[in-house]
Amino acid sequence: MNSRTKARLRALEVLFEADQRNDDIIDVLTRRRMHTSAQISTYSEEIVRGVRDHDAEIVEYIETYSQGWTMDRMPSVDRVALRLGAWELLFNDDIPDAVAISEATGLVRVLSTDDSPRFVNGLLDRLRQVKPMLLT
């Protein structure tokens, strides 16, 4: 697993914990840094802060293009992976679109349901297609 993939996994863990506990994302990040041996890299923190800073937009885009699936209906891991993937896709110009989609899909392939990879891939690909319209 390369360092960016590990960073995404650590960011997903922080975002997932905050989501499950309905806790502040930065508080969870701080606690994890203090109380776990897992490396929280600079890129993990960049993802976490980016998702936090753009969360309202990200959630709106996901709910708009998920075709009948509200965020509440999605498995928790899918919801978090979509937020992470959408941030990389829409707000991080250093990551190619295909990589953002592939990495988010890979996370749910390992951590979620059998149907999750297809769902996450399809939704993020749809966001990729409308990205120029969303960011104008």
N, C-alpha and C. Protein backbone atom coordinates (compact mmCIF):
# COMPACT_ATOMS: atom_id res chain seq x y z
N MET A 1 0.86 -1.17 0.00
CA MET A 1 0.00 0.00 0.00
C MET A 1 0.90 1.24 0.00
N ASN A 2 0.70 2.12 -0.97
CA ASN A 2 1.54 3.32 -1.03
C ASN A 2 1.13 4.34 0.03
N SER A 3 1.96 5.37 0.19
CA SER A 3 1.74 6.31 1.28
C SER A 3 0.45 7.12 1.12
N ARG A 4 0.07 7.47 -0.10
CA ARG A 4 -1.18 8.21 -0.30
C ARG A 4 -2.39 7.32 0.01
N THR A 5 -2.32 6.06 -0.35
CA THR A 5 -3.41 5.14 -0.04
C THR A 5 -3.56 4.99 1.47
N LYS A 6 -2.44 4.87 2.18
CA LYS A 6 -2.47 4.80 3.65
C LYS A 6 -3.05 6.08 4.24
N ALA A 7 -2.67 7.21 3.66
CA ALA A 7 -3.19 8.50 4.14
C ALA A 7 -4.70 8.56 3.97
N ARG A 8 -5.19 8.07 2.84
CA ARG A 8 -6.64 8.05 2.61
C ARG A 8 -7.34 7.15 3.62
N LEU A 9 -6.75 5.99 3.88
CA LEU A 9 -7.34 5.07 4.86
C LEU A 9 -7.40 5.71 6.24
N ARG A 10 -6.32 6.37 6.66
CA ARG A 10 -6.32 7.04 7.97
C ARG A 10 -7.35 8.17 8.00
N ALA A 11 -7.45 8.92 6.91
CA ALA A 11 -8.45 9.99 6.84
C ALA A 11 -9.85 9.41 6.91
N LEU A 12 -10.08 8.31 6.20
CA LEU A 12 -11.40 7.65 6.25
C LEU A 12 -11.72 7.22 7.68
N GLU A 13 -10.74 6.69 8.39
CA GLU A 13 -10.97 6.26 9.78
C GLU A 13 -11.38 7.44 10.65
N VAL A 14 -10.71 8.57 10.48
CA VAL A 14 -11.04 9.77 11.27
C VAL A 14 -12.45 10.25 10.92
N LEU A 15 -12.73 10.36 9.62
CA LEU A 15 -14.04 10.83 9.18
C LEU A 15 -15.15 9.87 9.61
N PHE A 16 -14.89 8.57 9.54
CA PHE A 16 -15.87 7.57 9.95
C PHE A 16 -16.16 7.69 11.44
N GLU A 17 -15.11 7.81 12.25
CA GLU A 17 -15.32 7.94 13.70
C GLU A 17 -16.13 9.18 14.01
N ALA A 18 -15.79 10.29 13.38
CA ALA A 18 -16.53 11.54 13.62
C ALA A 18 -17.99 11.38 13.21
N ASP A 19 -18.21 10.70 12.08
CA ASP A 19 -19.57 10.47 11.59
C ASP A 19 -20.36 9.60 12.57
N GLN A 20 -19.76 8.53 13.03
CA GLN A 20 -20.44 7.59 13.92
C GLN A 20 -20.72 8.19 15.29
N ARG A 21 -19.80 8.98 15.78
CA ARG A 21 -19.96 9.57 17.11
C ARG A 21 -20.63 10.93 17.07
N ASN A 22 -20.91 11.41 15.86
CA ASN A 22 -21.46 12.75 15.67
C ASN A 22 -20.57 13.76 16.41
N ASP A 23 -19.27 13.64 16.16
CA ASP A 23 -18.25 14.42 16.85
C ASP A 23 -17.57 15.35 15.85
N ASP A 24 -16.91 16.36 16.36
CA ASP A 24 -16.16 17.28 15.52
C ASP A 24 -14.97 16.56 14.89
N ILE A 25 -14.82 16.73 13.59
CA ILE A 25 -13.78 16.03 12.83
C ILE A 25 -12.39 16.36 13.36
N ILE A 26 -12.13 17.60 13.66
CA ILE A 26 -10.80 18.00 14.12
C ILE A 26 -10.53 17.47 15.53
N ASP A 27 -11.55 17.39 16.36
CA ASP A 27 -11.37 16.79 17.68
C ASP A 27 -10.97 15.32 17.55
N VAL A 28 -11.62 14.61 16.64
CA VAL A 28 -11.28 13.20 16.41
C VAL A 28 -9.85 13.09 15.90
N LEU A 29 -9.48 13.93 14.96
CA LEU A 29 -8.12 13.93 14.42
C LEU A 29 -7.10 14.15 15.53
N THR A 30 -7.35 15.11 16.38
CA THR A 30 -6.44 15.42 17.49
C THR A 30 -6.33 14.23 18.45
N ARG A 31 -7.46 13.65 18.81
CA ARG A 31 -7.45 12.48 19.71
C ARG A 31 -6.67 11.32 19.09
N ARG A 32 -6.90 11.08 17.81
CA ARG A 32 -6.19 9.98 17.15
C ARG A 32 -4.69 10.21 17.15
N ARG A 33 -4.29 11.44 16.93
CA ARG A 33 -2.85 11.74 16.94
C ARG A 33 -2.25 11.49 18.32
N MET A 34 -3.00 11.79 19.36
CA MET A 34 -2.49 11.65 20.73
C MET A 34 -2.56 10.22 21.24
N HIS A 35 -3.55 9.45 20.80
CA HIS A 35 -3.82 8.17 21.47
C HIS A 35 -3.69 6.92 20.60
N THR A 36 -3.19 7.04 19.38
CA THR A 36 -3.00 5.84 18.57
C THR A 36 -1.59 5.83 18.00
N SER A 37 -1.13 4.65 17.68
CA SER A 37 0.21 4.53 17.09
C SER A 37 0.15 4.68 15.57
N ALA A 38 -1.03 4.69 14.98
CA ALA A 38 -1.16 4.82 13.53
C ALA A 38 -0.71 6.21 13.10
N GLN A 39 0.08 6.24 12.06
CA GLN A 39 0.59 7.51 11.52
C GLN A 39 -0.54 8.30 10.87
N ILE A 40 -0.73 9.53 11.32
CA ILE A 40 -1.66 10.45 10.68
C ILE A 40 -0.79 11.44 9.90
N SER A 41 -0.68 11.20 8.61
CA SER A 41 0.23 11.99 7.78
C SER A 41 -0.33 13.37 7.49
N THR A 42 0.51 14.19 6.92
CA THR A 42 0.10 15.53 6.49
C THR A 42 -1.02 15.43 5.48
N TYR A 43 -0.92 14.44 4.56
CA TYR A 43 -1.97 14.31 3.55
C TYR A 43 -3.28 13.83 4.18
N SER A 44 -3.22 12.97 5.19
CA SER A 44 -4.44 12.56 5.90
C SER A 44 -5.13 13.78 6.49
N GLU A 45 -4.33 14.63 7.13
CA GLU A 45 -4.89 15.84 7.72
C GLU A 45 -5.46 16.77 6.64
N GLU A 46 -4.77 16.88 5.52
CA GLU A 46 -5.26 17.72 4.41
C GLU A 46 -6.63 17.22 3.93
N ILE A 47 -6.78 15.91 3.82
CA ILE A 47 -8.06 15.34 3.40
C ILE A 47 -9.14 15.67 4.43
N VAL A 48 -8.85 15.40 5.69
CA VAL A 48 -9.82 15.61 6.76
C VAL A 48 -10.27 17.07 6.79
N ARG A 49 -9.31 17.98 6.75
CA ARG A 49 -9.65 19.41 6.78
C ARG A 49 -10.38 19.83 5.51
N GLY A 50 -9.99 19.27 4.37
CA GLY A 50 -10.65 19.59 3.11
C GLY A 50 -12.10 19.14 3.10
N VAL A 51 -12.34 17.93 3.58
CA VAL A 51 -13.72 17.43 3.66
C VAL A 51 -14.52 18.30 4.61
N ARG A 52 -13.94 18.64 5.75
CA ARG A 52 -14.64 19.51 6.70
C ARG A 52 -14.97 20.86 6.08
N ASP A 53 -14.01 21.45 5.40
CA ASP A 53 -14.20 22.80 4.84
C ASP A 53 -15.21 22.84 3.71
N HIS A 54 -15.37 21.75 2.99
CA HIS A 54 -16.27 21.71 1.82
C HIS A 54 -17.45 20.77 2.02
N ASP A 55 -17.69 20.36 3.27
CA ASP A 55 -18.68 19.31 3.52
C ASP A 55 -20.08 19.65 3.01
N ALA A 56 -20.53 20.84 3.22
CA ALA A 56 -21.89 21.20 2.78
C ALA A 56 -22.02 21.05 1.26
N GLU A 57 -21.03 21.54 0.53
CA GLU A 57 -21.06 21.40 -0.93
C GLU A 57 -20.99 19.93 -1.35
N ILE A 58 -20.08 19.21 -0.72
CA ILE A 58 -19.88 17.80 -1.06
C ILE A 58 -21.16 17.01 -0.84
N VAL A 59 -21.78 17.19 0.31
CA VAL A 59 -23.03 16.47 0.62
C VAL A 59 -24.12 16.84 -0.38
N GLU A 60 -24.22 18.12 -0.71
CA GLU A 60 -25.22 18.55 -1.69
C GLU A 60 -24.98 17.86 -3.04
N TYR A 61 -23.74 17.82 -3.50
CA TYR A 61 -23.44 17.18 -4.78
C TYR A 61 -23.74 15.69 -4.75
N ILE A 62 -23.35 15.03 -3.66
CA ILE A 62 -23.59 13.59 -3.55
C ILE A 62 -25.09 13.31 -3.55
N GLU A 63 -25.85 14.04 -2.76
CA GLU A 63 -27.29 13.80 -2.70
C GLU A 63 -27.97 14.15 -4.02
N THR A 64 -27.49 15.17 -4.72
CA THR A 64 -28.09 15.56 -5.99
C THR A 64 -27.89 14.49 -7.05
N TYR A 65 -26.71 13.88 -7.09
CA TYR A 65 -26.39 12.95 -8.17
C TYR A 65 -26.46 11.48 -7.78
N SER A 66 -26.92 11.18 -6.57
CA SER A 66 -26.99 9.77 -6.16
C SER A 66 -28.28 9.08 -6.57
N GLN A 67 -29.15 9.77 -7.25
CA GLN A 67 -30.37 9.21 -7.83
C GLN A 67 -31.18 8.38 -6.84
N GLY A 68 -31.81 9.09 -5.93
CA GLY A 68 -32.73 8.43 -5.02
C GLY A 68 -32.12 7.92 -3.73
N TRP A 69 -30.83 8.06 -3.57
CA TRP A 69 -30.17 7.61 -2.34
C TRP A 69 -29.79 8.83 -1.51
N THR A 70 -30.44 9.01 -0.38
CA THR A 70 -30.02 10.07 0.53
C THR A 70 -28.78 9.58 1.28
N MET A 71 -28.07 10.49 1.86
CA MET A 71 -26.88 10.13 2.63
C MET A 71 -27.24 9.17 3.77
N ASP A 72 -28.40 9.37 4.38
CA ASP A 72 -28.82 8.51 5.50
C ASP A 72 -29.05 7.06 5.08
N ARG A 73 -29.41 6.83 3.83
CA ARG A 73 -29.66 5.46 3.36
C ARG A 73 -28.38 4.71 3.00
N MET A 74 -27.30 5.42 2.78
CA MET A 74 -26.04 4.80 2.36
C MET A 74 -25.34 4.16 3.56
N PRO A 75 -24.64 3.05 3.30
CA PRO A 75 -23.79 2.51 4.37
C PRO A 75 -22.79 3.59 4.83
N SER A 76 -22.50 3.61 6.10
CA SER A 76 -21.64 4.65 6.67
C SER A 76 -20.29 4.74 5.98
N VAL A 77 -19.67 3.61 5.71
CA VAL A 77 -18.36 3.63 5.05
C VAL A 77 -18.48 4.23 3.65
N ASP A 78 -19.54 3.90 2.93
CA ASP A 78 -19.75 4.46 1.59
C ASP A 78 -19.90 5.98 1.67
N ARG A 79 -20.66 6.42 2.63
CA ARG A 79 -20.91 7.85 2.81
C ARG A 79 -19.59 8.60 3.03
N VAL A 80 -18.75 8.04 3.88
CA VAL A 80 -17.47 8.68 4.19
C VAL A 80 -16.52 8.59 2.99
N ALA A 81 -16.46 7.44 2.35
CA ALA A 81 -15.58 7.29 1.18
C ALA A 81 -16.02 8.21 0.04
N LEU A 82 -17.31 8.41 -0.11
CA LEU A 82 -17.81 9.34 -1.13
C LEU A 82 -17.41 10.78 -0.81
N ARG A 83 -17.50 11.16 0.44
CA ARG A 83 -17.10 12.51 0.82
C ARG A 83 -15.60 12.71 0.57
N LEU A 84 -14.81 11.73 0.95
CA LEU A 84 -13.37 11.78 0.74
C LEU A 84 -13.05 11.83 -0.76
N GLY A 85 -13.65 10.92 -1.53
CA GLY A 85 -13.42 10.88 -2.97
C GLY A 85 -13.88 12.14 -3.68
N ALA A 86 -15.02 12.66 -3.26
CA ALA A 86 -15.54 13.89 -3.87
C ALA A 86 -14.62 15.07 -3.57
N TRP A 87 -14.07 15.13 -2.37
CA TRP A 87 -13.13 16.21 -2.07
C TRP A 87 -11.91 16.13 -2.98
N GLU A 88 -11.33 14.92 -3.09
CA GLU A 88 -10.15 14.78 -3.97
C GLU A 88 -10.50 15.11 -5.42
N LEU A 89 -11.64 14.65 -5.86
CA LEU A 89 -12.07 14.85 -7.24
C LEU A 89 -12.34 16.32 -7.55
N LEU A 90 -13.03 16.99 -6.67
CA LEU A 90 -13.51 18.34 -6.95
C LEU A 90 -12.61 19.46 -6.42
N PHE A 91 -11.89 19.21 -5.35
CA PHE A 91 -11.19 20.30 -4.68
C PHE A 91 -9.69 20.11 -4.54
N ASN A 92 -9.14 19.01 -5.00
CA ASN A 92 -7.70 18.78 -4.91
C ASN A 92 -7.15 18.57 -6.32
N ASP A 93 -6.62 19.62 -6.89
CA ASP A 93 -6.12 19.57 -8.26
C ASP A 93 -4.86 18.73 -8.41
N ASP A 94 -4.22 18.35 -7.31
CA ASP A 94 -3.00 17.54 -7.38
C ASP A 94 -3.29 16.07 -7.67
N ILE A 95 -4.53 15.66 -7.50
CA ILE A 95 -4.90 14.25 -7.69
C ILE A 95 -5.69 14.14 -8.99
N PRO A 96 -5.22 13.29 -9.92
CA PRO A 96 -6.00 13.07 -11.15
C PRO A 96 -7.38 12.49 -10.82
N ASP A 97 -8.37 12.88 -11.60
CA ASP A 97 -9.75 12.43 -11.35
C ASP A 97 -9.84 10.91 -11.27
N ALA A 98 -9.21 10.22 -12.19
CA ALA A 98 -9.29 8.75 -12.21
C ALA A 98 -8.71 8.14 -10.94
N VAL A 99 -7.66 8.75 -10.41
CA VAL A 99 -7.05 8.25 -9.18
C VAL A 99 -8.00 8.46 -8.00
N ALA A 100 -8.61 9.63 -7.91
CA ALA A 100 -9.56 9.91 -6.82
C ALA A 100 -10.69 8.89 -6.82
N ILE A 101 -11.22 8.61 -8.00
CA ILE A 101 -12.33 7.65 -8.11
C ILE A 101 -11.86 6.25 -7.76
N SER A 102 -10.73 5.85 -8.31
CA SER A 102 -10.19 4.51 -8.07
C SER A 102 -9.88 4.27 -6.59
N GLU A 103 -9.28 5.26 -5.95
CA GLU A 103 -8.91 5.10 -4.53
C GLU A 103 -10.14 5.01 -3.63
N ALA A 104 -11.13 5.83 -3.86
CA ALA A 104 -12.36 5.76 -3.05
C ALA A 104 -13.06 4.42 -3.28
N THR A 105 -13.08 3.98 -4.53
CA THR A 105 -13.69 2.68 -4.85
C THR A 105 -12.92 1.56 -4.17
N GLY A 106 -11.60 1.65 -4.15
CA GLY A 106 -10.78 0.64 -3.49
C GLY A 106 -11.03 0.57 -1.99
N LEU A 107 -11.25 1.72 -1.36
CA LEU A 107 -11.54 1.71 0.07
C LEU A 107 -12.82 0.95 0.38
N VAL A 108 -13.88 1.21 -0.39
CA VAL A 108 -15.13 0.52 -0.09
C VAL A 108 -15.09 -0.95 -0.54
N ARG A 109 -14.24 -1.26 -1.51
CA ARG A 109 -14.09 -2.66 -1.92
C ARG A 109 -13.60 -3.50 -0.74
N VAL A 110 -12.73 -2.92 0.06
CA VAL A 110 -12.16 -3.63 1.21
C VAL A 110 -13.04 -3.51 2.45
N LEU A 111 -13.69 -2.36 2.63
CA LEU A 111 -14.34 -2.06 3.91
C LEU A 111 -15.86 -2.12 3.93
N SER A 112 -16.51 -2.26 2.77
CA SER A 112 -17.97 -2.15 2.77
C SER A 112 -18.61 -3.34 2.06
N THR A 113 -19.79 -3.14 1.53
CA THR A 113 -20.58 -4.22 0.96
C THR A 113 -20.12 -4.58 -0.46
N ASP A 114 -20.61 -5.69 -0.97
CA ASP A 114 -20.27 -6.13 -2.32
C ASP A 114 -20.77 -5.15 -3.38
N ASP A 115 -21.86 -4.47 -3.12
CA ASP A 115 -22.43 -3.52 -4.08
C ASP A 115 -21.78 -2.14 -4.00
N SER A 116 -21.05 -1.88 -2.95
CA SER A 116 -20.50 -0.55 -2.72
C SER A 116 -19.51 -0.07 -3.78
N PRO A 117 -18.58 -0.90 -4.24
CA PRO A 117 -17.63 -0.39 -5.23
C PRO A 117 -18.31 0.15 -6.50
N ARG A 118 -19.29 -0.57 -6.99
CA ARG A 118 -19.99 -0.13 -8.20
C ARG A 118 -20.74 1.19 -7.94
N PHE A 119 -21.38 1.27 -6.78
CA PHE A 119 -22.13 2.48 -6.42
C PHE A 119 -21.20 3.69 -6.30
N VAL A 120 -20.13 3.54 -5.54
CA VAL A 120 -19.19 4.64 -5.32
C VAL A 120 -18.52 5.05 -6.63
N ASN A 121 -18.09 4.07 -7.40
CA ASN A 121 -17.46 4.37 -8.69
C ASN A 121 -18.41 5.12 -9.60
N GLY A 122 -19.63 4.65 -9.70
CA GLY A 122 -20.61 5.28 -10.59
C GLY A 122 -20.96 6.70 -10.16
N LEU A 123 -21.14 6.91 -8.88
CA LEU A 123 -21.50 8.24 -8.38
C LEU A 123 -20.34 9.23 -8.55
N LEU A 124 -19.13 8.80 -8.21
CA LEU A 124 -17.99 9.69 -8.38
C LEU A 124 -17.71 9.96 -9.86
N ASP A 125 -17.94 8.97 -10.70
CA ASP A 125 -17.76 9.21 -12.14
C ASP A 125 -18.78 10.22 -12.65
N ARG A 126 -19.99 10.15 -12.12
CA ARG A 126 -21.00 11.14 -12.51
C ARG A 126 -20.57 12.54 -12.06
N LEU A 127 -20.02 12.66 -10.85
CA LEU A 127 -19.51 13.95 -10.39
C LEU A 127 -18.36 14.42 -11.29
N ARG A 128 -17.53 13.49 -11.73
CA ARG A 128 -16.44 13.84 -12.65
C ARG A 128 -17.01 14.43 -13.95
N GLN A 129 -18.07 13.83 -14.45
CA GLN A 129 -18.66 14.30 -15.70
C GLN A 129 -19.24 15.71 -15.57
N VAL A 130 -19.82 16.02 -14.42
CA VAL A 130 -20.43 17.34 -14.24
C VAL A 130 -19.52 18.33 -13.51
N LYS A 131 -18.32 17.91 -13.22
CA LYS A 131 -17.36 18.74 -12.48
C LYS A 131 -17.22 20.15 -13.06
N PRO A 132 -17.06 20.32 -14.36
CA PRO A 132 -16.92 21.69 -14.87
C PRO A 132 -18.13 22.57 -14.54
N MET A 133 -19.30 22.00 -14.55
CA MET A 133 -20.52 22.74 -14.24
C MET A 133 -20.58 23.06 -12.73
N LEU A 134 -20.15 22.13 -11.90
CA LEU A 134 -20.23 22.32 -10.45
C LEU A 134 -19.27 23.39 -9.96
N LEU A 135 -18.13 23.50 -10.59
CA LEU A 135 -17.08 24.36 -10.08
C LEU A 135 -17.00 25.72 -10.78
N THR A 136 -18.03 26.09 -11.53
CA THR A 136 -18.00 27.40 -12.18
C THR A 136 -18.62 28.47 -11.34
